[in-house]
């Protein structure tokens, strides 16, 4: 008789994503759960410029903690790609599209492994296997940028607020760009930061507000190939618990 292989019940390693993030960036890939069928559509958003090679990811309207990821990349300009989930409900509801994940592409190649991106002081070894590090979203938006851009924007925003301009330069610029690029799946925006050589690439965050993890895609040689923020749209169980 043929040998039957039972599905693994092992928990994911500490810092590992619960979704197959490589599959999330294969155009035409399909998922299905009890609620809907999902088809992957890839969209090139913009290129992000990293003058220092230190990457920052957050809700651009809520820069509470200006701290880059510990792992750095070479200074340069990198493509940002959105994985759009085309969602077809199995019963009630209208078809819709959502930004399921966003990728900052560093180099070509298929990742051999994925690991939760950490900031200073965050230790994967202290996480339970179903927990992850990430950032909170309060405005339905995420972004990638250089730490120099984030630092400059926070300072600029503080000046705007001191002048009682509560909307602020950042909110006005990003909101205008996102409204101009509105698509069925949401929107994206790229803005240049004054007095820097950097920019911010922003995008809608899945179902909206929440807490989302970012993950490095690592080559077999240990080099970073990409950085992906997973917005929890594609089905996967169990969902990890956030750690702030």
Protein backbone atom coordinates (compact mmCIF):
# COMPACT_ATOMS: atom_id res chain seq x y z
CA UNK A 1 0.00 0.00 0.00
CA UNK A 2 1.20 3.53 -0.70
CA UNK A 3 2.52 5.39 2.28
CA UNK A 4 0.18 8.10 3.54
CA UNK A 5 1.86 11.25 4.83
CA UNK A 6 -0.08 12.96 7.58
CA UNK A 7 -0.22 16.76 7.55
CA UNK A 8 2.16 18.40 9.98
CA UNK A 9 0.67 19.68 13.23
CA UNK A 10 3.88 21.37 14.34
CA UNK A 11 3.69 25.02 15.30
CA UNK A 12 5.62 27.48 13.13
CA UNK A 13 9.09 28.44 14.32
CA UNK A 14 9.44 31.63 16.33
CA UNK A 15 9.25 34.59 13.99
CA UNK A 16 7.99 32.57 11.01
CA UNK A 17 4.91 33.83 9.11
CA UNK A 18 1.76 31.70 9.16
CA UNK A 19 1.16 32.36 5.45
CA UNK A 20 3.17 31.23 2.45
CA UNK A 21 4.40 34.71 1.53
CA UNK A 22 6.14 33.53 -1.63
CA UNK A 23 2.80 32.21 -2.89
CA UNK A 24 1.19 35.55 -2.04
CA UNK A 25 3.42 37.11 -4.71
CA UNK A 26 2.73 34.63 -7.50
CA UNK A 27 0.35 36.27 -9.96
CA UNK A 28 -2.74 34.12 -10.43
CA UNK A 29 -2.20 31.97 -7.32
CA UNK A 30 -5.45 30.92 -5.65
CA UNK A 31 -6.66 30.45 -2.08
CA UNK A 32 -9.98 29.35 -0.64
CA UNK A 33 -11.62 29.19 2.77
CA UNK A 34 -15.19 28.79 4.04
CA UNK A 35 -16.00 32.39 3.17
CA UNK A 36 -14.47 33.15 -0.22
CA UNK A 37 -12.10 32.31 -3.06
CA UNK A 38 -9.02 34.52 -3.45
CA UNK A 39 -6.91 35.17 -6.55
CA UNK A 40 -3.55 36.97 -6.42
CA UNK A 41 -2.98 40.01 -8.63
CA UNK A 42 0.38 41.81 -8.53
CA UNK A 43 0.62 45.58 -8.93
CA UNK A 44 3.82 47.64 -9.13
CA UNK A 45 3.32 50.62 -6.83
CA UNK A 46 6.46 52.76 -6.94
CA UNK A 47 10.16 52.73 -6.10
CA UNK A 48 11.29 53.62 -2.59
CA UNK A 49 14.63 55.41 -2.15
CA UNK A 50 16.75 54.37 0.83
CA UNK A 51 19.67 56.81 1.33
CA UNK A 52 20.82 55.06 4.52
CA UNK A 53 19.66 51.50 3.82
CA UNK A 54 17.77 51.51 7.13
CA UNK A 55 14.15 50.57 6.47
CA UNK A 56 11.16 51.87 8.41
CA UNK A 57 7.63 50.44 8.08
CA UNK A 58 4.56 51.84 9.84
CA UNK A 59 1.24 53.60 9.50
CA UNK A 60 2.46 56.88 7.91
CA UNK A 61 -0.21 58.82 9.80
CA UNK A 62 0.95 57.48 13.15
CA UNK A 63 4.75 57.58 13.45
CA UNK A 64 4.77 56.80 17.17
CA UNK A 65 8.11 55.01 17.32
CA UNK A 66 10.80 56.07 14.86
CA UNK A 67 12.95 52.95 14.91
CA UNK A 68 14.24 51.15 11.79
CA UNK A 69 14.48 47.40 11.40
CA UNK A 70 17.74 45.97 12.72
CA UNK A 71 18.69 44.36 9.42
CA UNK A 72 19.92 46.87 6.85
CA UNK A 73 20.27 46.78 3.06
CA UNK A 74 22.51 48.53 0.57
CA UNK A 75 21.71 52.17 -0.09
CA UNK A 76 19.64 52.49 -3.24
CA UNK A 77 16.21 52.48 -4.85
CA UNK A 78 13.95 49.44 -4.65
CA UNK A 79 10.63 48.43 -6.19
CA UNK A 80 7.53 48.16 -4.01
CA UNK A 81 4.93 45.63 -5.15
CA UNK A 82 1.41 45.05 -3.86
CA UNK A 83 -0.22 41.62 -3.69
CA UNK A 84 -3.87 42.34 -4.41
CA UNK A 85 -6.42 39.78 -3.29
CA UNK A 86 -9.34 39.49 -5.72
CA UNK A 87 -12.01 38.17 -3.37
CA UNK A 88 -15.09 36.27 -4.59
CA UNK A 89 -17.52 35.48 -1.74
CA UNK A 90 -18.86 31.90 -1.81
CA UNK A 91 -22.30 32.95 -0.60
CA UNK A 92 -23.47 36.49 0.09
CA UNK A 93 -21.55 39.65 -0.70
CA UNK A 94 -20.00 41.41 -3.66
CA UNK A 95 -16.58 40.66 -5.15
CA UNK A 96 -13.90 43.03 -3.91
CA UNK A 97 -10.17 43.63 -3.93
CA UNK A 98 -7.81 44.29 -1.02
CA UNK A 99 -4.09 44.88 -0.56
CA UNK A 100 -3.18 41.56 1.06
CA UNK A 101 0.56 42.23 1.36
CA UNK A 102 3.23 44.71 0.25
CA UNK A 103 6.77 43.78 -0.78
CA UNK A 104 9.96 45.83 -0.90
CA UNK A 105 11.99 43.89 -3.47
CA UNK A 106 15.73 43.92 -2.68
CA UNK A 107 17.13 41.31 -5.06
CA UNK A 108 15.98 38.61 -7.46
CA UNK A 109 15.47 35.06 -6.28
CA UNK A 110 13.13 32.82 -4.28
CA UNK A 111 13.48 33.09 -0.49
CA UNK A 112 14.63 29.91 1.22
CA UNK A 113 13.20 31.11 4.54
CA UNK A 114 11.18 33.90 6.13
CA UNK A 115 11.76 35.61 9.46
CA UNK A 116 9.89 38.29 11.39
CA UNK A 117 11.58 41.70 10.98
CA UNK A 118 12.70 43.11 14.33
CA UNK A 119 13.68 46.48 15.74
CA UNK A 120 16.25 47.18 18.45
CA UNK A 121 15.36 45.36 21.65
CA UNK A 122 12.94 42.91 20.03
CA UNK A 123 14.07 39.31 20.55
CA UNK A 124 12.51 36.51 18.53
CA UNK A 125 13.74 34.00 21.08
CA UNK A 126 11.40 35.49 23.66
CA UNK A 127 8.33 35.15 21.43
CA UNK A 128 5.88 32.31 21.75
CA UNK A 129 5.58 30.43 18.47
CA UNK A 130 2.20 31.99 17.66
CA UNK A 131 3.23 35.60 18.37
CA UNK A 132 4.90 38.19 16.13
CA UNK A 133 6.36 41.70 16.12
CA UNK A 134 4.77 44.34 13.93
CA UNK A 135 3.15 47.78 13.80
CA UNK A 136 -0.31 49.12 14.52
CA UNK A 137 -2.46 50.76 11.86
CA UNK A 138 -5.07 53.39 12.80
CA UNK A 139 -5.65 55.01 9.39
CA UNK A 140 -5.99 51.99 7.10
CA UNK A 141 -2.55 52.66 5.63
CA UNK A 142 0.96 51.18 5.75
CA UNK A 143 4.24 52.31 4.20
CA UNK A 144 7.90 51.65 3.49
CA UNK A 145 10.52 54.40 3.74
CA UNK A 146 14.07 55.15 4.83
CA UNK A 147 14.61 56.05 8.48
CA UNK A 148 15.85 59.48 7.34
CA UNK A 149 12.46 60.12 5.72
CA UNK A 150 10.55 59.04 8.82
CA UNK A 151 12.67 61.24 11.09
CA UNK A 152 12.26 64.28 8.83
CA UNK A 153 8.51 63.74 8.48
CA UNK A 154 7.97 63.44 12.21
CA UNK A 155 9.85 66.70 12.80
CA UNK A 156 7.88 68.43 10.03
CA UNK A 157 4.60 67.12 11.39
CA UNK A 158 5.43 68.42 14.88
CA UNK A 159 6.03 71.89 13.43
CA UNK A 160 2.70 71.74 11.58
CA UNK A 161 0.88 70.77 14.76
CA UNK A 162 2.62 73.55 16.71
CA UNK A 163 1.16 75.94 14.12
CA UNK A 164 -2.26 74.34 14.71
CA UNK A 165 -2.32 72.78 11.26
CA UNK A 166 -3.83 69.54 12.54
CA UNK A 167 -4.09 67.96 9.11
CA UNK A 168 -0.37 68.44 8.64
CA UNK A 169 1.81 68.34 5.54
CA UNK A 170 2.22 64.57 5.57
CA UNK A 171 -1.46 63.76 5.82
CA UNK A 172 -2.33 66.27 3.11
CA UNK A 173 0.29 64.96 0.67
CA UNK A 174 -0.32 61.25 1.19
CA UNK A 175 -4.10 61.60 1.23
CA UNK A 176 -4.06 63.61 -1.99
CA UNK A 177 -1.83 61.05 -3.69
CA UNK A 178 -3.91 58.11 -2.54
CA UNK A 179 -7.19 59.70 -3.61
CA UNK A 180 -5.70 60.44 -7.04
CA UNK A 181 -4.63 56.81 -7.48
CA UNK A 182 -7.80 55.20 -6.13
CA UNK A 183 -8.39 51.72 -7.54
CA UNK A 184 -10.86 48.93 -6.85
CA UNK A 185 -8.30 47.41 -4.46
CA UNK A 186 -7.61 50.58 -2.54
CA UNK A 187 -4.82 52.99 -3.32
CA UNK A 188 -1.13 53.79 -3.18
CA UNK A 189 0.95 56.94 -2.98
CA UNK A 190 4.60 57.95 -3.28
CA UNK A 191 5.77 61.31 -1.94
CA UNK A 192 9.20 62.94 -1.78
CA UNK A 193 10.22 64.16 1.67
CA UNK A 194 11.47 67.79 1.81
CA UNK A 195 15.18 68.33 2.52
CA UNK A 196 16.02 64.65 2.07
CA UNK A 197 16.87 62.31 -0.80
CA UNK A 198 14.20 59.89 0.41
CA UNK A 199 10.53 59.25 -0.23
CA UNK A 200 7.61 57.37 1.32
CA UNK A 201 5.64 54.70 -0.53
CA UNK A 202 2.26 54.23 1.15
CA UNK A 203 -0.56 51.76 0.47
CA UNK A 204 -3.91 50.60 1.82
CA UNK A 205 -3.66 47.97 4.58
CA UNK A 206 -5.80 44.91 3.90
CA UNK A 207 -9.11 45.09 5.76
CA UNK A 208 -8.04 48.38 7.36
CA UNK A 209 -6.88 49.03 10.92
CA UNK A 210 -5.09 46.31 12.85
CA UNK A 211 -1.64 45.06 13.83
CA UNK A 212 0.57 43.67 11.07
CA UNK A 213 3.93 41.93 10.89
CA UNK A 214 6.74 42.41 8.38
CA UNK A 215 8.99 39.54 7.29
CA UNK A 216 12.38 39.23 5.62
CA UNK A 217 12.60 36.79 2.72
CA UNK A 218 16.10 35.28 3.08
CA UNK A 219 18.15 33.47 0.43
CA UNK A 220 19.90 30.14 0.99
CA UNK A 221 23.10 32.18 1.47
CA UNK A 222 21.51 34.26 4.22
CA UNK A 223 21.05 37.43 2.16
CA UNK A 224 17.80 39.46 2.25
CA UNK A 225 15.84 39.22 -1.01
CA UNK A 226 12.73 41.13 0.05
CA UNK A 227 10.76 42.57 2.94
CA UNK A 228 7.02 41.80 3.08
CA UNK A 229 4.29 43.25 5.29
CA UNK A 230 1.43 40.76 5.62
CA UNK A 231 -2.02 42.32 6.10
CA UNK A 232 -3.73 39.08 7.02
CA UNK A 233 -6.14 38.83 4.07
CA UNK A 234 -5.23 35.44 2.61
CA UNK A 235 -6.51 32.52 4.71
CA UNK A 236 -4.22 30.86 7.22
CA UNK A 237 -4.66 29.22 10.63
CA UNK A 238 -3.83 29.80 13.35
CA UNK A 239 -3.46 33.57 13.30
CA UNK A 240 -0.46 34.70 15.40
CA UNK A 241 -0.92 37.10 18.30
CA UNK A 242 0.71 40.56 18.03
CA UNK A 243 3.43 41.75 20.38
CA UNK A 244 3.97 45.50 20.62
